[in-house]
Amino acid sequence: MELGAELERRFANVRTAMAARELDALVVSGSEYTGFEGSVTYLSGFQIVHRYAYVVVPSDGDPLIVFPSEARYVGEHGTAALEQVFVDRPGAYIAGRALLPINWDKNHL
């Protein structure tokens, strides 16, 4: 099965559930330390091997995966089928992005 097509199917299902709850975006977090890395892999193709990551699925637009800056050199980032963002403070980055009037449009970062 081709990962891109499978991820699109998964995103369509997630967005249907989001619409039913009137959500603008969904943030899915995963950490190898806590054992919740499967949710990130399911929505991105990336397997966490150290640290943590967040998959952001907007109701409209392209999903992305957000990593702490130090994770740039850990793991096989080529397996992630999404845009990857590396920032010092992932939570602050995601919160700031959510507060923008244009929200998740990557052309206005």
C-alpha atoms as a PDB file:
ATOM      1  CA  MET A   1       0.000   0.000   0.000  1.00  0.00           C
ATOM      2  CA  GLU A   2       1.331   3.447  -0.942  1.00  0.00           C
ATOM      3  CA  LEU A   3       1.794   5.549   2.205  1.00  0.00           C
ATOM      4  CA  GLY A   4       0.632   8.850   0.702  1.00  0.00           C
ATOM      5  CA  ALA A   5      -2.738   7.475  -0.361  1.00  0.00           C
ATOM      6  CA  GLU A   6      -3.187   5.721   2.978  1.00  0.00           C
ATOM      7  CA  LEU A   7      -2.373   8.908   4.900  1.00  0.00           C
ATOM      8  CA  GLU A   8      -4.909  10.836   2.817  1.00  0.00           C
ATOM      9  CA  ARG A   9      -7.545   8.248   3.747  1.00  0.00           C
ATOM     10  CA  ARG A  10      -6.623   8.585   7.415  1.00  0.00           C
ATOM     11  CA  PHE A  11      -6.709  12.400   7.245  1.00  0.00           C
ATOM     12  CA  ALA A  12     -10.150  12.277   5.611  1.00  0.00           C
ATOM     13  CA  ASN A  13     -11.417  10.143   8.501  1.00  0.00           C
ATOM     14  CA  VAL A  14      -9.813  12.431  11.080  1.00  0.00           C
ATOM     15  CA  ARG A  15     -11.272  15.525   9.398  1.00  0.00           C
ATOM     16  CA  THR A  16     -14.737  13.988   9.354  1.00  0.00           C
ATOM     17  CA  ALA A  17     -14.492  13.485  13.112  1.00  0.00           C
ATOM     18  CA  MET A  18     -13.067  17.010  13.524  1.00  0.00           C
ATOM     19  CA  ALA A  19     -15.956  18.536  11.549  1.00  0.00           C
ATOM     20  CA  ALA A  20     -18.486  16.725  13.730  1.00  0.00           C
ATOM     21  CA  ARG A  21     -16.860  18.424  16.738  1.00  0.00           C
ATOM     22  CA  GLU A  22     -16.290  21.786  14.985  1.00  0.00           C
ATOM     23  CA  LEU A  23     -12.506  21.649  15.440  1.00  0.00           C
ATOM     24  CA  ASP A  24     -10.214  23.867  13.372  1.00  0.00           C
ATOM     25  CA  ALA A  25      -7.182  21.665  13.974  1.00  0.00           C
ATOM     26  CA  LEU A  26      -6.117  18.546  15.787  1.00  0.00           C
ATOM     27  CA  VAL A  27      -2.762  18.187  17.516  1.00  0.00           C
ATOM     28  CA  VAL A  28      -1.612  14.611  18.028  1.00  0.00           C
ATOM     29  CA  SER A  29       1.418  14.152  20.234  1.00  0.00           C
ATOM     30  CA  GLY A  30       3.697  11.201  20.670  1.00  0.00           C
ATOM     31  CA  SER A  31       6.688  10.346  22.786  1.00  0.00           C
ATOM     32  CA  GLU A  32       8.840   7.275  22.824  1.00  0.00           C
ATOM     33  CA  TYR A  33       9.348   7.842  26.542  1.00  0.00           C
ATOM     34  CA  THR A  34       5.657   7.441  27.372  1.00  0.00           C
ATOM     35  CA  GLY A  35       4.803   4.792  24.802  1.00  0.00           C
ATOM     36  CA  PHE A  36       2.454   6.940  22.726  1.00  0.00           C
ATOM     37  CA  GLU A  37       4.558   7.138  19.575  1.00  0.00           C
ATOM     38  CA  GLY A  38       2.124   5.067  17.501  1.00  0.00           C
ATOM     39  CA  SER A  39      -0.281   7.951  16.962  1.00  0.00           C
ATOM     40  CA  VAL A  40       2.462  10.032  15.335  1.00  0.00           C
ATOM     41  CA  THR A  41       3.533   7.131  13.130  1.00  0.00           C
ATOM     42  CA  TYR A  42      -0.088   6.470  12.121  1.00  0.00           C
ATOM     43  CA  LEU A  43      -0.581  10.062  10.944  1.00  0.00           C
ATOM     44  CA  SER A  44       2.852  10.813   9.481  1.00  0.00           C
ATOM     45  CA  GLY A  45       4.834   7.683   8.690  1.00  0.00           C
ATOM     46  CA  PHE A  46       7.587   8.876  11.059  1.00  0.00           C
ATOM     47  CA  GLN A  47       8.704   6.483  13.765  1.00  0.00           C
ATOM     48  CA  ILE A  48       9.865   8.281  16.877  1.00  0.00           C
ATOM     49  CA  VAL A  49      13.178   6.937  18.127  1.00  0.00           C
ATOM     50  CA  HIS A  50      14.007   9.663  20.619  1.00  0.00           C
ATOM     51  CA  ARG A  51      12.197  12.626  22.102  1.00  0.00           C
ATOM     52  CA  TYR A  52       8.729  13.554  20.949  1.00  0.00           C
ATOM     53  CA  ALA A  53       6.798  14.973  18.014  1.00  0.00           C
ATOM     54  CA  TYR A  54       3.452  16.573  17.206  1.00  0.00           C
ATOM     55  CA  VAL A  55       1.331  16.026  14.123  1.00  0.00           C
ATOM     56  CA  VAL A  56      -0.925  18.986  13.368  1.00  0.00           C
ATOM     57  CA  VAL A  57      -3.937  18.222  11.182  1.00  0.00           C
ATOM     58  CA  PRO A  58      -5.809  21.383  10.160  1.00  0.00           C
ATOM     59  CA  SER A  59      -9.422  21.130   9.055  1.00  0.00           C
ATOM     60  CA  ASP A  60      -8.284  22.563   5.738  1.00  0.00           C
ATOM     61  CA  GLY A  61      -4.733  22.551   4.413  1.00  0.00           C
ATOM     62  CA  ASP A  62      -1.709  20.323   4.630  1.00  0.00           C
ATOM     63  CA  PRO A  63      -0.871  18.508   7.867  1.00  0.00           C
ATOM     64  CA  LEU A  64       2.614  18.963   9.290  1.00  0.00           C
ATOM     65  CA  ILE A  65       4.828  17.356  11.896  1.00  0.00           C
ATOM     66  CA  VAL A  66       6.548  19.540  14.495  1.00  0.00           C
ATOM     67  CA  PHE A  67       9.746  18.459  16.246  1.00  0.00           C
ATOM     68  CA  PRO A  68      11.958  20.048  18.875  1.00  0.00           C
ATOM     69  CA  SER A  69      15.086  21.475  17.230  1.00  0.00           C
ATOM     70  CA  GLU A  70      17.400  18.878  18.744  1.00  0.00           C
ATOM     71  CA  ALA A  71      15.429  16.077  17.074  1.00  0.00           C
ATOM     72  CA  ARG A  72      16.686  17.153  13.644  1.00  0.00           C
ATOM     73  CA  TYR A  73      19.564  14.712  13.952  1.00  0.00           C
ATOM     74  CA  VAL A  74      17.686  11.797  15.515  1.00  0.00           C
ATOM     75  CA  GLY A  75      15.565   9.340  13.563  1.00  0.00           C
ATOM     76  CA  GLU A  76      14.812   8.677   9.926  1.00  0.00           C
ATOM     77  CA  HIS A  77      13.083  11.917   8.956  1.00  0.00           C
ATOM     78  CA  GLY A  78      12.826  10.730   5.368  1.00  0.00           C
ATOM     79  CA  THR A  79      10.057   8.363   6.486  1.00  0.00           C
ATOM     80  CA  ALA A  80       7.739  11.253   7.381  1.00  0.00           C
ATOM     81  CA  ALA A  81       5.388  11.981   4.514  1.00  0.00           C
ATOM     82  CA  LEU A  82       4.522  15.444   5.870  1.00  0.00           C
ATOM     83  CA  GLU A  83       6.111  18.857   5.967  1.00  0.00           C
ATOM     84  CA  GLN A  84       8.562  18.868   8.891  1.00  0.00           C
ATOM     85  CA  VAL A  85       9.123  21.842  11.173  1.00  0.00           C
ATOM     86  CA  PHE A  86      11.944  21.993  13.745  1.00  0.00           C
ATOM     87  CA  VAL A  87      11.611  24.629  16.475  1.00  0.00           C
ATOM     88  CA  ASP A  88      13.061  25.217  19.933  1.00  0.00           C
ATOM     89  CA  ARG A  89       9.622  25.319  21.580  1.00  0.00           C
ATOM     90  CA  PRO A  90       7.109  23.164  19.668  1.00  0.00           C
ATOM     91  CA  GLY A  91       4.176  23.945  21.970  1.00  0.00           C
ATOM     92  CA  ALA A  92       4.698  27.690  21.648  1.00  0.00           C
ATOM     93  CA  TYR A  93       5.064  27.356  17.878  1.00  0.00           C
ATOM     94  CA  ILE A  94       1.799  25.410  17.549  1.00  0.00           C
ATOM     95  CA  ALA A  95      -0.064  27.785  19.879  1.00  0.00           C
ATOM     96  CA  GLY A  96       1.238  30.833  18.015  1.00  0.00           C
ATOM     97  CA  ARG A  97       0.231  29.337  14.708  1.00  0.00           C
ATOM     98  CA  ALA A  98      -3.271  28.612  16.008  1.00  0.00           C
ATOM     99  CA  LEU A  99      -3.728  32.229  17.047  1.00  0.00           C
ATOM    100  CA  LEU A 100      -2.926  33.662  13.623  1.00  0.00           C
ATOM    101  CA  PRO A 101      -5.999  34.883  11.725  1.00  0.00           C
ATOM    102  CA  ILE A 102      -4.861  32.741   8.789  1.00  0.00           C
ATOM    103  CA  ASN A 103      -4.127  29.833  11.130  1.00  0.00           C
ATOM    104  CA  TRP A 104      -2.520  26.885   9.332  1.00  0.00           C
ATOM    105  CA  ASP A 105      -1.745  28.364   5.918  1.00  0.00           C
ATOM    106  CA  LYS A 106       1.965  27.532   5.514  1.00  0.00           C
ATOM    107  CA  ASN A 107       2.418  30.444   3.085  1.00  0.00           C
ATOM    108  CA  HIS A 108       1.965  32.846   5.987  1.00  0.00           C
ATOM    109  CA  LEU A 109       4.404  31.495   8.587  1.00  0.00           C
END
